Amino acid sequence: MMSSKNKIILSTAPFLRQGETTPWIMFQVVFSLIPVFLAAFYFFGLSVLLVTVTAIASCLLTEWFFDTNRPRGISLKDGSTLLTGMLFALTLPPGLPLWMVFLGGIAAIGMGKVIWGGLGQNIFNPALIGRAFLQAAFPIAITTWSSPTGNYFIPRGTNLAWPFMQGEALDTITTATPLALMKFQHQSTGILNLLLGNTGGSLGETSSIVIILAGIYLAAKKVINWQIPAAILLTVILFSGILYSFAPDRYPSPVFMVLSGGLLLGTVFMATDPVTSPITTRGCWVFGCGIGLLVVLIRVFGGLPEGVMYAILLMNAVTPLINRITREKIYGA
């Protein structure tokens, strides 16, 4: 009788496997987002919890409903849907009605992921698809910002409004974002306020320093390609610096451009999505430079004060072409 040590083990490729798995990568990003949510809660209180829970629940329920696996719900275990819900919540204003948040989560998973065939086959970032849907369907609500002050335990804006009803705002204190103040009133915001997050905006537009630290952590863990954030930030600094040098009283400074709005959130967590970003090193640089250039063009010359969402989605659409152009030539071909 043969001993177990003499048995031949037959297997198929791949024979070498990396320790990083999809769930490991997803939950590393989830872990890095916790300080971002804590900073948002510090400034906006209970509304952050309401919006986040609703966004995550909507994404999870939509994924579960369209899951064709047996038993149903297996696709929820990789953490990608949880991450999409968290990122989607960070793109929203704290006072948004919860029923709108729920619809946006359905669009994020249904239109941004399911119709493409599931994880790994979508072209566009699902969280940004959900945000874009709300931007088109409810443009006033999605651009109504609450002031980062007030009672922690009182919902802001129209969080609790009934579907398709105006609803009475529980917190009527609204404010303009730093980008809106700069674009329409040529009024700058202090760098310290931008770093700490004491400004109006989406949940993920609070503390810039927290997002920067999260990006350093993810890059050190090799969860994200550092080339993409580097390309985006260098491009924004270069082109905004050129404009600022010609007319400093008209155009914002490079530091303001980097720290304001959703640029850092999009740079660290959205643009680096491994599914919707290029797979080659050269492609990552092209991809990041394209996003940075589009952000500056939209912010400075466009009709909207912010352009990160559109810049990333447009470059997502170009990603297959970038991969084809920048792929390495096969030796001997």
Protein backbone atom coordinates (compact mmCIF):
# COMPACT_ATOMS: atom_id res chain seq x y z
CA MET A 1 0.00 0.00 0.00
CA MET A 2 1.44 3.38 -1.06
CA SER A 3 2.11 5.91 1.66
CA SER A 4 0.58 9.38 1.35
CA LYS A 5 3.97 10.99 0.72
CA ASN A 6 4.44 8.96 -2.48
CA LYS A 7 1.11 9.96 -4.01
CA ILE A 8 1.23 12.05 -7.18
CA ILE A 9 -0.78 15.28 -7.05
CA LEU A 10 -2.31 16.31 -10.37
CA SER A 11 -3.51 19.91 -10.84
CA THR A 12 -4.02 22.51 -13.54
CA ALA A 13 -2.56 25.97 -13.97
CA PRO A 14 -2.01 28.41 -12.42
CA PHE A 15 0.57 26.74 -10.21
CA LEU A 16 1.79 29.97 -8.59
CA ARG A 17 -0.80 32.04 -6.75
CA GLN A 18 -0.60 35.46 -5.10
CA GLY A 19 -1.71 35.89 -1.53
CA GLU A 20 -3.98 38.81 -2.45
CA THR A 21 -7.53 37.81 -3.24
CA THR A 22 -10.49 39.89 -4.38
CA PRO A 23 -12.10 39.92 -0.89
CA TRP A 24 -8.75 40.88 0.67
CA ILE A 25 -8.35 43.82 -1.71
CA MET A 26 -11.95 44.98 -1.27
CA PHE A 27 -11.85 44.88 2.51
CA GLN A 28 -8.51 46.69 2.59
CA VAL A 29 -10.24 49.57 0.82
CA VAL A 30 -13.25 49.25 3.14
CA PHE A 31 -10.93 49.47 6.13
CA SER A 32 -9.23 52.57 4.74
CA LEU A 33 -12.62 54.28 4.30
CA ILE A 34 -13.56 54.06 7.98
CA PRO A 35 -11.59 57.22 8.97
CA VAL A 36 -13.19 59.08 6.04
CA PHE A 37 -16.67 58.23 7.36
CA LEU A 38 -15.66 59.18 10.90
CA ALA A 39 -14.51 62.59 9.64
CA ALA A 40 -17.80 63.02 7.75
CA PHE A 41 -19.78 62.08 10.87
CA TYR A 42 -17.83 64.64 12.89
CA PHE A 43 -19.02 67.41 10.58
CA PHE A 44 -22.50 66.22 9.53
CA GLY A 45 -23.67 63.91 12.31
CA LEU A 46 -26.65 61.56 12.02
CA SER A 47 -27.27 62.23 8.32
CA VAL A 48 -23.99 60.51 7.47
CA LEU A 49 -25.19 57.32 9.15
CA LEU A 50 -28.62 57.48 7.49
CA VAL A 51 -27.25 58.10 3.99
CA THR A 52 -24.51 55.47 4.31
CA VAL A 53 -26.76 52.71 5.66
CA THR A 54 -29.36 53.41 2.97
CA ALA A 55 -26.76 53.39 0.18
CA ILE A 56 -25.18 50.14 1.35
CA ALA A 57 -28.54 48.44 1.89
CA SER A 58 -29.75 49.47 -1.57
CA CYS A 59 -26.61 48.13 -3.26
CA LEU A 60 -26.69 44.85 -1.32
CA LEU A 61 -30.39 44.26 -2.00
CA THR A 62 -29.99 45.00 -5.71
CA GLU A 63 -27.00 42.65 -5.99
CA TRP A 64 -28.90 39.93 -4.12
CA PHE A 65 -32.00 40.36 -6.30
CA PHE A 66 -30.09 39.95 -9.56
CA ASP A 67 -27.75 37.23 -8.29
CA THR A 68 -28.16 34.11 -10.43
CA ASN A 69 -25.94 31.91 -8.26
CA ARG A 70 -27.32 29.13 -6.11
CA PRO A 71 -27.56 29.64 -3.22
CA ARG A 72 -28.38 33.28 -3.90
CA GLY A 73 -26.12 35.87 -2.32
CA ILE A 74 -22.72 34.26 -2.96
CA SER A 75 -21.61 37.31 -4.94
CA LEU A 76 -22.01 39.46 -1.81
CA LYS A 77 -19.13 37.70 -0.05
CA ASP A 78 -16.33 39.29 -2.09
CA GLY A 79 -16.99 42.73 -0.55
CA SER A 80 -17.27 44.57 -3.86
CA THR A 81 -20.94 45.48 -3.38
CA LEU A 82 -20.31 46.72 0.16
CA LEU A 83 -17.46 48.87 -1.15
CA THR A 84 -19.64 50.26 -3.95
CA GLY A 85 -22.30 51.27 -1.44
CA MET A 86 -19.75 53.03 0.76
CA LEU A 87 -18.15 54.90 -2.12
CA PHE A 88 -21.54 55.84 -3.52
CA ALA A 89 -22.56 57.29 -0.15
CA LEU A 90 -19.40 59.41 -0.05
CA THR A 91 -20.38 61.10 -3.33
CA LEU A 92 -23.71 62.34 -1.91
CA PRO A 93 -24.66 65.48 0.05
CA PRO A 94 -25.64 64.80 3.68
CA GLY A 95 -29.14 66.26 3.31
CA LEU A 96 -30.25 64.15 0.32
CA PRO A 97 -33.62 62.38 0.76
CA LEU A 98 -33.08 58.74 1.62
CA TRP A 99 -35.45 57.51 -1.10
CA MET A 100 -33.22 59.19 -3.67
CA VAL A 101 -30.21 57.51 -2.10
CA PHE A 102 -31.97 54.16 -2.42
CA LEU A 103 -32.76 54.75 -6.12
CA GLY A 104 -29.17 55.75 -6.74
CA GLY A 105 -27.93 52.51 -5.17
CA ILE A 106 -30.18 50.51 -7.48
CA ALA A 107 -28.77 52.39 -10.47
CA ALA A 108 -25.19 51.91 -9.23
CA ILE A 109 -25.45 48.12 -9.11
CA GLY A 110 -28.08 47.55 -11.80
CA MET A 111 -26.74 49.94 -14.45
CA GLY A 112 -23.12 50.04 -13.36
CA LYS A 113 -22.44 46.37 -12.70
CA VAL A 114 -25.19 43.81 -13.33
CA ILE A 115 -25.99 44.68 -16.96
CA TRP A 116 -22.32 44.28 -17.86
CA GLY A 117 -22.14 40.75 -16.48
CA GLY A 118 -21.05 41.31 -12.90
CA LEU A 119 -17.77 42.00 -11.13
CA GLY A 120 -14.78 42.36 -13.42
CA GLN A 121 -16.78 42.99 -16.59
CA ASN A 122 -18.16 46.50 -16.02
CA ILE A 123 -16.63 49.36 -17.97
CA PHE A 124 -17.68 52.24 -15.71
CA ASN A 125 -17.22 52.74 -11.99
CA PRO A 126 -20.56 51.63 -10.43
CA ALA A 127 -20.54 54.18 -7.60
CA LEU A 128 -20.10 57.03 -10.07
CA ILE A 129 -22.86 55.62 -12.28
CA GLY A 130 -25.21 55.89 -9.29
CA ARG A 131 -24.06 59.47 -8.67
CA ALA A 132 -24.47 60.36 -12.34
CA PHE A 133 -28.00 58.93 -12.34
CA LEU A 134 -28.98 61.16 -9.42
CA GLN A 135 -27.25 64.14 -11.03
CA ALA A 136 -29.43 63.73 -14.11
CA ALA A 137 -32.67 62.83 -12.32
CA PHE A 138 -32.55 65.18 -9.32
CA PRO A 139 -30.06 67.98 -10.13
CA ILE A 140 -31.35 70.41 -7.48
CA ALA A 141 -31.38 67.93 -4.60
CA ILE A 142 -27.97 66.54 -5.48
CA THR A 143 -26.42 70.03 -5.41
CA THR A 144 -28.03 71.28 -2.19
CA TRP A 145 -25.35 71.30 0.49
CA SER A 146 -25.71 71.41 4.27
CA SER A 147 -23.48 73.48 6.47
CA PRO A 148 -21.00 71.43 8.56
CA THR A 149 -22.50 72.73 11.78
CA GLY A 150 -25.53 72.03 13.92
CA ASN A 151 -26.93 69.21 16.04
CA TYR A 152 -25.33 65.79 15.52
CA PHE A 153 -28.57 63.95 16.19
CA ILE A 154 -30.96 65.84 13.90
CA PRO A 155 -31.21 64.77 10.22
CA ARG A 156 -30.21 67.46 7.75
CA GLY A 157 -32.02 68.79 4.73
CA THR A 158 -34.83 66.52 3.56
CA ASN A 159 -33.39 63.15 4.61
CA LEU A 160 -36.78 61.94 5.81
CA ALA A 161 -38.93 63.36 3.02
CA TRP A 162 -41.48 61.04 1.42
CA PRO A 163 -40.76 59.82 -2.13
CA PHE A 164 -41.54 62.42 -4.82
CA MET A 165 -42.70 64.87 -2.17
CA GLN A 166 -40.95 68.13 -1.34
CA GLY A 167 -40.92 67.52 2.37
CA GLU A 168 -40.10 70.04 5.08
CA ALA A 169 -36.41 70.49 5.71
CA LEU A 170 -35.42 69.70 9.28
CA ASP A 171 -32.21 71.66 8.84
CA THR A 172 -32.56 74.72 6.62
CA ILE A 173 -28.94 75.86 6.98
CA THR A 174 -27.36 75.46 3.56
CA THR A 175 -24.02 76.53 2.23
CA ALA A 176 -21.99 76.68 -0.96
CA THR A 177 -19.06 74.38 -1.63
CA PRO A 178 -15.55 75.85 -1.93
CA LEU A 179 -15.59 75.14 -5.68
CA ALA A 180 -18.92 76.96 -6.14
CA LEU A 181 -17.66 79.94 -4.14
CA MET A 182 -14.55 80.10 -6.28
CA LYS A 183 -16.28 79.65 -9.64
CA PHE A 184 -19.26 81.94 -9.18
CA GLN A 185 -18.07 84.43 -6.56
CA HIS A 186 -14.27 84.25 -6.99
CA GLN A 187 -14.02 83.65 -3.25
CA SER A 188 -11.30 81.32 -2.01
CA THR A 189 -11.44 78.98 1.00
CA GLY A 190 -8.68 78.67 3.56
CA ILE A 191 -6.24 75.83 3.05
CA LEU A 192 -6.61 74.73 6.69
CA ASN A 193 -10.38 74.40 6.28
CA LEU A 194 -9.86 72.28 3.16
CA LEU A 195 -7.35 70.05 4.91
CA LEU A 196 -9.52 69.51 7.98
CA GLY A 197 -12.85 69.38 6.13
CA ASN A 198 -14.80 72.21 7.75
CA THR A 199 -16.57 73.01 4.46
CA GLY A 200 -19.78 72.19 2.65
CA GLY A 201 -19.90 69.37 0.14
CA SER A 202 -20.45 65.64 -0.21
CA LEU A 203 -19.66 63.22 2.59
CA GLY A 204 -16.32 62.41 0.96
CA GLU A 205 -15.33 66.05 0.51
CA THR A 206 -14.62 66.59 4.18
CA SER A 207 -11.11 65.98 5.50
CA SER A 208 -8.48 66.01 2.76
CA ILE A 209 -5.71 64.95 5.11
CA VAL A 210 -7.60 61.77 6.04
CA ILE A 211 -8.04 60.80 2.37
CA ILE A 212 -4.36 61.48 1.68
CA LEU A 213 -3.33 59.18 4.54
CA ALA A 214 -5.75 56.52 3.27
CA GLY A 215 -4.18 56.77 -0.18
CA ILE A 216 -0.69 56.35 1.25
CA TYR A 217 -1.86 53.27 3.15
CA LEU A 218 -3.42 51.66 0.06
CA ALA A 219 -0.37 52.43 -2.08
CA ALA A 220 1.95 50.96 0.57
CA LYS A 221 -0.19 47.81 0.64
CA LYS A 222 -0.05 47.76 -3.18
CA VAL A 223 -3.84 47.70 -3.31
CA ILE A 224 -3.88 50.59 -5.81
CA ASN A 225 -1.52 51.57 -8.61
CA TRP A 226 0.31 54.66 -7.40
CA GLN A 227 0.87 55.77 -10.99
CA ILE A 228 -2.78 56.78 -11.42
CA PRO A 229 -3.01 59.16 -8.41
CA ALA A 230 0.42 60.54 -9.24
CA ALA A 231 -0.57 61.24 -12.85
CA ILE A 232 -3.86 62.88 -11.86
CA LEU A 233 -2.39 65.15 -9.20
CA LEU A 234 0.67 66.14 -11.24
CA THR A 235 -1.52 67.00 -14.24
CA VAL A 236 -3.93 69.06 -12.14
CA ILE A 237 -1.06 70.90 -10.47
CA LEU A 238 0.67 71.57 -13.81
CA PHE A 239 -2.30 72.87 -15.81
CA SER A 240 -3.96 74.77 -12.97
CA GLY A 241 -0.55 76.24 -12.12
CA ILE A 242 -0.15 77.54 -15.67
CA LEU A 243 -3.58 79.20 -15.55
CA TYR A 244 -2.94 80.58 -12.07
CA SER A 245 0.38 82.09 -13.13
CA PHE A 246 -1.34 84.07 -15.90
CA ALA A 247 -4.36 85.28 -13.90
CA PRO A 248 -4.13 84.56 -10.13
CA ASP A 249 -7.16 86.78 -9.46
CA ARG A 250 -9.33 84.73 -11.83
CA TYR A 251 -8.15 81.14 -11.59
CA PRO A 252 -7.71 79.04 -8.42
CA SER A 253 -4.29 78.02 -7.19
CA PRO A 254 -3.00 74.45 -7.69
CA VAL A 255 -3.23 73.76 -3.95
CA PHE A 256 -6.88 74.80 -3.92
CA MET A 257 -7.61 72.66 -6.98
CA VAL A 258 -6.12 69.57 -5.35
CA LEU A 259 -7.67 69.94 -1.89
CA SER A 260 -11.16 71.11 -2.87
CA GLY A 261 -14.15 69.13 -4.08
CA GLY A 262 -14.03 65.41 -4.74
CA LEU A 263 -10.65 65.29 -6.48
CA LEU A 264 -8.81 63.42 -3.73
CA LEU A 265 -11.72 61.03 -3.15
CA GLY A 266 -11.94 60.28 -6.86
CA THR A 267 -8.18 60.05 -7.24
CA VAL A 268 -7.61 57.59 -4.41
CA PHE A 269 -10.76 55.45 -4.47
CA MET A 270 -12.54 55.83 -7.84
CA ALA A 271 -9.92 56.23 -10.53
CA THR A 272 -7.82 53.39 -9.10
CA ASP A 273 -10.61 50.82 -9.48
CA PRO A 274 -8.70 47.84 -10.98
CA VAL A 275 -11.67 46.82 -13.14
CA THR A 276 -12.23 50.17 -14.87
CA SER A 277 -8.63 51.43 -15.08
CA PRO A 278 -5.83 50.37 -17.48
CA ILE A 279 -3.73 47.30 -16.76
CA THR A 280 -0.44 48.59 -18.20
CA THR A 281 1.92 51.02 -16.49
CA ARG A 282 2.00 53.38 -19.46
CA GLY A 283 -1.75 53.12 -19.69
CA CYS A 284 -2.11 54.18 -16.05
CA TRP A 285 -0.12 57.34 -16.74
CA VAL A 286 -2.19 58.15 -19.82
CA PHE A 287 -5.41 57.42 -17.91
CA GLY A 288 -4.43 59.61 -14.96
CA CYS A 289 -3.24 62.49 -17.12
CA GLY A 290 -6.51 62.41 -19.04
CA ILE A 291 -8.53 62.61 -15.83
CA GLY A 292 -6.42 65.47 -14.49
CA LEU A 293 -6.73 67.48 -17.68
CA LEU A 294 -10.50 66.96 -17.90
CA VAL A 295 -10.96 67.99 -14.26
CA VAL A 296 -9.18 71.30 -14.85
CA LEU A 297 -11.05 71.99 -18.09
CA ILE A 298 -14.48 71.27 -16.59
CA ARG A 299 -13.84 73.17 -13.37
CA VAL A 300 -12.40 76.25 -15.04
CA PHE A 301 -14.21 76.47 -18.37
CA GLY A 302 -17.31 74.27 -17.88
CA GLY A 303 -20.72 75.21 -16.55
CA LEU A 304 -20.37 73.11 -13.39
CA PRO A 305 -17.97 73.85 -10.52
CA GLU A 306 -16.97 70.17 -10.24
CA GLY A 307 -15.88 67.72 -12.91
CA VAL A 308 -14.24 64.73 -11.20
CA MET A 309 -17.17 62.37 -11.79
CA TYR A 310 -17.44 63.14 -15.50
CA ALA A 311 -13.66 63.04 -15.97
CA ILE A 312 -13.35 59.55 -14.48
CA LEU A 313 -16.37 58.18 -16.35
CA LEU A 314 -15.12 59.57 -19.66
CA MET A 315 -11.70 58.03 -19.14
CA ASN A 316 -13.35 54.74 -18.09
CA ALA A 317 -14.87 54.66 -21.55
CA VAL A 318 -11.43 55.13 -23.12
CA THR A 319 -9.74 52.47 -20.96
CA PRO A 320 -10.14 49.58 -23.48
CA LEU A 321 -8.50 51.73 -26.17
CA ILE A 322 -5.70 52.72 -23.79
CA ASN A 323 -5.05 49.05 -22.96
CA ARG A 324 -4.90 48.18 -26.66
CA ILE A 325 -2.49 50.99 -27.53
CA THR A 326 -0.15 50.63 -24.55
CA ARG A 327 0.05 46.83 -24.31
CA GLU A 328 3.50 45.34 -24.44
CA LYS A 329 4.64 43.75 -27.67
CA ILE A 330 5.07 40.00 -27.49
CA TYR A 331 8.70 38.95 -27.90
CA GLY A 332 9.28 37.67 -31.43
CA ALA A 333 5.99 39.01 -32.80
